């Protein structure tokens, strides 16, 4: 089985409201104490956020797409910028309290660089 055939999950890193909505939509999976989502607590150490990002992008081979709130991605922007692998695809999404800013989106920046804008 190729590694892309294993990648069937959507993972998410976000604030409580975003993750709750995504879980209600059915993306949540808990298996052997491993979750495909992380609710970021603003009071938590940045290293905890970085560890979850690394887990979803480097350690797990079952995640096809990683959704992350844009304002949370800003907290670990250097890690986000270094993620250049095709899988999992990284999509920055808005949250209830923080609107989407295309100027900060790392994927959009890469596309603009390729197109020459």
N, C-alpha and C. Protein backbone atom coordinates (compact mmCIF):
# COMPACT_ATOMS: atom_id res chain seq x y z
N UNK A 1 0.85 -1.18 0.00
CA UNK A 1 0.00 0.00 0.00
C UNK A 1 0.89 1.23 0.00
N UNK A 2 0.66 2.14 -0.93
CA UNK A 2 1.48 3.36 -0.97
C UNK A 2 1.08 4.28 0.17
N UNK A 3 1.97 5.22 0.46
CA UNK A 3 1.70 6.10 1.60
C UNK A 3 0.51 7.01 1.35
N UNK A 4 0.21 7.34 0.10
CA UNK A 4 -0.95 8.20 -0.16
C UNK A 4 -2.26 7.45 0.08
N UNK A 5 -2.27 6.14 -0.08
CA UNK A 5 -3.49 5.37 0.18
C UNK A 5 -3.83 5.32 1.66
N UNK A 6 -2.83 5.46 2.53
CA UNK A 6 -3.06 5.47 3.97
C UNK A 6 -3.62 6.80 4.44
N UNK A 7 -3.39 7.84 3.70
CA UNK A 7 -3.75 9.19 4.13
C UNK A 7 -5.24 9.44 3.88
N UNK A 8 -6.03 9.19 4.89
CA UNK A 8 -7.48 9.31 4.75
C UNK A 8 -8.11 10.30 5.72
N UNK A 9 -7.34 10.84 6.65
CA UNK A 9 -7.91 11.70 7.69
C UNK A 9 -7.65 13.18 7.43
N UNK A 10 -8.56 13.98 7.94
CA UNK A 10 -8.36 15.42 8.04
C UNK A 10 -8.03 15.70 9.50
N UNK A 11 -6.93 16.37 9.75
CA UNK A 11 -6.55 16.76 11.11
C UNK A 11 -6.80 18.26 11.26
N UNK A 12 -6.90 18.70 12.50
CA UNK A 12 -7.17 20.12 12.73
C UNK A 12 -6.47 20.60 13.99
N UNK A 13 -5.94 21.81 13.89
CA UNK A 13 -5.40 22.53 15.04
C UNK A 13 -6.14 23.85 15.07
N UNK A 14 -6.81 24.12 16.18
CA UNK A 14 -7.58 25.35 16.20
C UNK A 14 -8.06 25.73 17.58
N UNK A 15 -8.82 26.81 17.61
CA UNK A 15 -9.42 27.24 18.87
C UNK A 15 -10.62 26.35 19.17
N UNK A 16 -11.17 26.50 20.35
CA UNK A 16 -12.24 25.61 20.79
C UNK A 16 -13.47 25.65 19.88
N UNK A 17 -13.87 26.84 19.45
CA UNK A 17 -15.05 26.95 18.59
C UNK A 17 -14.84 26.27 17.25
N UNK A 18 -13.68 26.46 16.65
CA UNK A 18 -13.40 25.85 15.35
C UNK A 18 -13.37 24.33 15.46
N UNK A 19 -12.66 23.82 16.44
CA UNK A 19 -12.55 22.37 16.59
C UNK A 19 -13.92 21.76 16.91
N UNK A 20 -14.71 22.42 17.74
CA UNK A 20 -16.05 21.92 18.04
C UNK A 20 -16.87 21.80 16.77
N UNK A 21 -16.84 22.83 15.93
CA UNK A 21 -17.57 22.79 14.66
C UNK A 21 -17.09 21.67 13.76
N UNK A 22 -15.79 21.49 13.67
CA UNK A 22 -15.24 20.43 12.81
C UNK A 22 -15.59 19.05 13.36
N UNK A 23 -15.57 18.90 14.68
CA UNK A 23 -15.95 17.61 15.27
C UNK A 23 -17.42 17.32 15.03
N UNK A 24 -18.26 18.34 15.13
CA UNK A 24 -19.68 18.14 14.84
C UNK A 24 -19.91 17.78 13.37
N UNK A 25 -19.01 18.24 12.51
CA UNK A 25 -19.11 17.90 11.08
C UNK A 25 -18.60 16.49 10.81
N UNK A 26 -17.94 15.88 11.79
CA UNK A 26 -17.56 14.48 11.65
C UNK A 26 -16.11 14.18 11.36
N UNK A 27 -15.20 15.14 11.55
CA UNK A 27 -13.80 14.83 11.23
C UNK A 27 -13.05 14.18 12.38
N UNK A 28 -13.60 14.16 13.57
CA UNK A 28 -12.86 13.67 14.72
C UNK A 28 -12.66 12.17 14.74
N UNK A 29 -11.47 11.77 15.15
CA UNK A 29 -11.18 10.35 15.33
C UNK A 29 -10.20 10.20 16.48
N UNK A 30 -10.54 9.31 17.40
CA UNK A 30 -9.67 8.99 18.52
C UNK A 30 -9.40 7.50 18.44
N UNK A 31 -8.11 7.15 18.41
CA UNK A 31 -7.73 5.74 18.29
C UNK A 31 -6.46 5.52 19.10
N UNK A 32 -6.49 4.59 20.02
CA UNK A 32 -5.33 4.29 20.87
C UNK A 32 -4.72 5.56 21.48
N UNK A 33 -5.57 6.38 22.08
CA UNK A 33 -5.14 7.63 22.71
C UNK A 33 -4.51 8.62 21.75
N UNK A 34 -4.76 8.47 20.47
CA UNK A 34 -4.24 9.39 19.45
C UNK A 34 -5.43 10.08 18.80
N UNK A 35 -5.40 11.40 18.78
CA UNK A 35 -6.49 12.18 18.19
C UNK A 35 -6.01 12.84 16.91
N UNK A 36 -6.95 13.15 16.03
CA UNK A 36 -6.59 13.88 14.81
C UNK A 36 -6.96 15.36 14.94
N UNK A 37 -7.04 15.85 16.16
CA UNK A 37 -7.35 17.26 16.39
C UNK A 37 -6.66 17.72 17.66
N UNK A 38 -6.43 19.03 17.73
CA UNK A 38 -5.84 19.63 18.92
C UNK A 38 -6.50 20.98 19.15
N UNK A 39 -7.08 21.14 20.33
CA UNK A 39 -7.67 22.41 20.74
C UNK A 39 -6.56 23.22 21.41
N UNK A 40 -6.18 24.32 20.77
CA UNK A 40 -5.09 25.13 21.32
C UNK A 40 -5.60 26.05 22.41
N UNK A 41 -4.96 25.96 23.56
CA UNK A 41 -5.24 26.85 24.68
C UNK A 41 -4.25 28.00 24.60
N UNK A 42 -4.73 29.25 24.51
CA UNK A 42 -3.81 30.39 24.41
C UNK A 42 -2.81 30.47 25.57
N UNK A 43 -3.13 29.85 26.70
CA UNK A 43 -2.23 29.88 27.85
C UNK A 43 -1.18 28.78 27.80
N UNK A 44 -1.31 27.87 26.86
CA UNK A 44 -0.37 26.74 26.76
C UNK A 44 0.97 27.19 26.21
N UNK A 45 1.99 26.44 26.53
CA UNK A 45 3.33 26.71 26.01
C UNK A 45 3.33 26.55 24.49
N UNK A 46 4.10 27.37 23.81
CA UNK A 46 4.22 27.27 22.36
C UNK A 46 4.77 25.90 21.96
N UNK A 47 5.61 25.32 22.80
CA UNK A 47 6.20 24.01 22.48
C UNK A 47 5.13 22.92 22.35
N UNK A 48 4.03 23.04 23.09
CA UNK A 48 2.94 22.07 22.98
C UNK A 48 2.30 22.18 21.60
N UNK A 49 2.07 23.39 21.15
CA UNK A 49 1.52 23.62 19.81
C UNK A 49 2.47 23.09 18.74
N UNK A 50 3.75 23.39 18.90
CA UNK A 50 4.75 22.92 17.94
C UNK A 50 4.79 21.40 17.88
N UNK A 51 4.68 20.74 19.03
CA UNK A 51 4.70 19.28 19.07
C UNK A 51 3.50 18.68 18.33
N UNK A 52 2.33 19.25 18.51
CA UNK A 52 1.16 18.75 17.78
C UNK A 52 1.30 18.99 16.28
N UNK A 53 1.83 20.13 15.90
CA UNK A 53 2.04 20.41 14.47
C UNK A 53 3.01 19.38 13.88
N UNK A 54 4.11 19.11 14.58
CA UNK A 54 5.08 18.12 14.10
C UNK A 54 4.45 16.72 14.03
N UNK A 55 3.66 16.38 15.04
CA UNK A 55 3.00 15.07 15.03
C UNK A 55 2.13 14.92 13.79
N UNK A 56 1.32 15.92 13.50
CA UNK A 56 0.39 15.83 12.37
C UNK A 56 1.10 15.91 11.02
N UNK A 57 2.22 16.63 10.94
CA UNK A 57 2.88 16.82 9.64
C UNK A 57 4.04 15.86 9.39
N UNK A 58 4.68 15.35 10.43
CA UNK A 58 5.87 14.53 10.23
C UNK A 58 5.75 13.11 10.74
N UNK A 59 5.08 12.90 11.84
CA UNK A 59 5.07 11.58 12.47
C UNK A 59 3.94 10.68 11.97
N UNK A 60 2.80 11.25 11.68
CA UNK A 60 1.65 10.42 11.29
C UNK A 60 1.57 10.30 9.78
N UNK A 61 1.23 9.08 9.34
CA UNK A 61 1.12 8.84 7.90
C UNK A 61 -0.32 8.61 7.45
N UNK A 62 -1.28 8.94 8.33
CA UNK A 62 -2.69 8.74 7.98
C UNK A 62 -3.42 10.06 7.74
N UNK A 63 -2.72 11.18 7.77
CA UNK A 63 -3.35 12.49 7.62
C UNK A 63 -3.09 13.04 6.22
N UNK A 64 -4.18 13.37 5.53
CA UNK A 64 -4.08 13.92 4.17
C UNK A 64 -4.12 15.44 4.17
N UNK A 65 -4.91 16.02 5.08
CA UNK A 65 -5.09 17.47 5.13
C UNK A 65 -5.00 17.91 6.59
N UNK A 66 -4.27 19.00 6.81
CA UNK A 66 -4.21 19.61 8.14
C UNK A 66 -4.81 21.00 8.05
N UNK A 67 -5.90 21.20 8.78
CA UNK A 67 -6.53 22.52 8.88
C UNK A 67 -5.99 23.19 10.14
N UNK A 68 -5.61 24.45 10.01
CA UNK A 68 -5.10 25.19 11.17
C UNK A 68 -5.64 26.61 11.12
N UNK A 69 -6.13 27.09 12.26
CA UNK A 69 -6.57 28.48 12.32
C UNK A 69 -5.40 29.38 11.99
N UNK A 70 -5.66 30.38 11.17
CA UNK A 70 -4.58 31.25 10.71
C UNK A 70 -3.90 31.98 11.88
N UNK A 71 -4.68 32.44 12.84
CA UNK A 71 -4.06 33.15 13.96
C UNK A 71 -3.19 32.22 14.82
N UNK A 72 -3.49 30.95 14.82
CA UNK A 72 -2.65 29.98 15.54
C UNK A 72 -1.42 29.65 14.71
N UNK A 73 -1.58 29.56 13.40
CA UNK A 73 -0.43 29.33 12.51
C UNK A 73 0.59 30.45 12.66
N UNK A 74 0.11 31.66 12.93
CA UNK A 74 1.02 32.80 13.13
C UNK A 74 1.96 32.57 14.32
N UNK A 75 1.49 31.85 15.32
CA UNK A 75 2.31 31.59 16.51
C UNK A 75 3.50 30.69 16.20
N UNK A 76 3.35 29.85 15.17
CA UNK A 76 4.43 28.93 14.80
C UNK A 76 4.78 29.11 13.32
N UNK A 77 4.73 30.35 12.85
CA UNK A 77 4.95 30.65 11.43
C UNK A 77 6.23 30.03 10.87
N UNK A 78 7.37 30.05 11.58
CA UNK A 78 8.57 29.42 11.01
C UNK A 78 8.37 27.93 10.70
N UNK A 79 7.68 27.20 11.59
CA UNK A 79 7.39 25.79 11.32
C UNK A 79 6.46 25.63 10.13
N UNK A 80 5.45 26.47 10.06
CA UNK A 80 4.49 26.41 8.95
C UNK A 80 5.20 26.68 7.63
N UNK A 81 6.08 27.65 7.61
CA UNK A 81 6.81 28.00 6.39
C UNK A 81 7.74 26.86 5.95
N UNK A 82 8.28 26.12 6.89
CA UNK A 82 9.19 25.02 6.54
C UNK A 82 8.46 23.79 6.02
N UNK A 83 7.16 23.70 6.25
CA UNK A 83 6.41 22.53 5.77
C UNK A 83 6.18 22.68 4.27
N UNK A 84 6.90 21.89 3.49
CA UNK A 84 6.78 21.98 2.03
C UNK A 84 6.35 20.67 1.40
N UNK A 85 6.08 19.66 2.20
CA UNK A 85 5.66 18.37 1.67
C UNK A 85 4.24 18.47 1.10
N UNK A 86 3.95 17.60 0.15
CA UNK A 86 2.61 17.58 -0.44
C UNK A 86 1.57 17.07 0.55
N UNK A 87 1.97 16.11 1.38
CA UNK A 87 1.06 15.54 2.36
C UNK A 87 1.66 15.66 3.75
N UNK A 88 0.88 16.06 4.70
CA UNK A 88 -0.49 16.54 4.55
C UNK A 88 -0.52 17.95 3.96
N UNK A 89 -1.54 18.19 3.16
CA UNK A 89 -1.76 19.54 2.64
C UNK A 89 -2.14 20.43 3.82
N UNK A 90 -1.56 21.60 3.87
CA UNK A 90 -1.77 22.52 5.00
C UNK A 90 -2.67 23.66 4.54
N UNK A 91 -3.81 23.81 5.19
CA UNK A 91 -4.75 24.88 4.85
C UNK A 91 -5.00 25.74 6.08
N UNK A 92 -4.76 27.03 5.93
CA UNK A 92 -5.03 27.98 7.01
C UNK A 92 -6.46 28.47 6.86
N UNK A 93 -7.20 28.42 7.95
CA UNK A 93 -8.61 28.78 7.92
C UNK A 93 -8.88 29.89 8.95
N UNK A 94 -9.95 30.66 8.73
CA UNK A 94 -10.30 31.70 9.70
C UNK A 94 -10.96 31.09 10.93
N UNK A 95 -11.10 31.90 11.95
CA UNK A 95 -11.87 31.50 13.13
C UNK A 95 -12.95 32.54 13.36
N UNK A 96 -13.77 32.25 14.33
CA UNK A 96 -14.88 33.16 14.64
C UNK A 96 -14.40 34.56 14.99
N UNK A 97 -13.31 34.65 15.73
CA UNK A 97 -12.82 35.94 16.22
C UNK A 97 -11.68 36.53 15.40
N UNK A 98 -11.13 35.76 14.47
CA UNK A 98 -9.99 36.22 13.67
C UNK A 98 -10.27 35.96 12.20
N UNK A 99 -10.55 37.00 11.42
CA UNK A 99 -10.85 36.80 9.99
C UNK A 99 -9.62 36.34 9.22
N UNK A 100 -9.88 35.76 8.06
CA UNK A 100 -8.81 35.29 7.18
C UNK A 100 -8.07 36.47 6.57
N UNK A 101 -6.75 36.41 6.56
CA UNK A 101 -5.92 37.44 5.95
C UNK A 101 -5.05 36.78 4.89
N UNK A 102 -5.36 36.98 3.60
CA UNK A 102 -4.60 36.31 2.54
C UNK A 102 -3.12 36.70 2.53
N UNK A 103 -2.77 37.85 3.09
CA UNK A 103 -1.37 38.28 3.13
C UNK A 103 -0.52 37.38 4.03
N UNK A 104 -1.15 36.67 4.96
CA UNK A 104 -0.41 35.82 5.89
C UNK A 104 -0.41 34.35 5.49
N UNK A 105 -1.21 33.96 4.52
CA UNK A 105 -1.36 32.56 4.14
C UNK A 105 -0.12 32.04 3.42
N UNK A 106 0.55 31.06 4.01
CA UNK A 106 1.81 30.55 3.45
C UNK A 106 1.59 29.84 2.12
N UNK A 107 0.48 29.13 1.96
CA UNK A 107 0.21 28.44 0.70
C UNK A 107 -0.04 29.46 -0.40
N UNK A 108 -0.82 30.47 -0.11
CA UNK A 108 -1.10 31.51 -1.10
C UNK A 108 0.18 32.25 -1.50
N UNK A 109 1.07 32.48 -0.53
CA UNK A 109 2.35 33.13 -0.84
C UNK A 109 3.17 32.29 -1.81
N UNK A 110 3.18 30.97 -1.60
CA UNK A 110 3.94 30.08 -2.50
C UNK A 110 3.35 30.08 -3.90
N UNK A 111 2.03 30.06 -3.99
CA UNK A 111 1.37 30.09 -5.30
C UNK A 111 1.69 31.39 -6.01
N UNK A 112 1.62 32.51 -5.31
CA UNK A 112 1.94 33.79 -5.92
C UNK A 112 3.39 33.85 -6.39
N UNK A 113 4.28 33.23 -5.63
CA UNK A 113 5.69 33.20 -6.03
C UNK A 113 5.86 32.37 -7.31
N UNK A 114 5.15 31.25 -7.42
CA UNK A 114 5.23 30.40 -8.61
C UNK A 114 4.66 31.09 -9.84
N UNK A 115 3.57 31.82 -9.64
CA UNK A 115 2.90 32.51 -10.74
C UNK A 115 3.67 33.78 -11.12
N UNK A 116 4.42 34.31 -10.20
CA UNK A 116 5.22 35.49 -10.48
C UNK A 116 4.56 36.78 -10.09
N UNK A 117 3.65 36.74 -9.16
CA UNK A 117 2.97 37.96 -8.70
C UNK A 117 3.75 38.61 -7.59
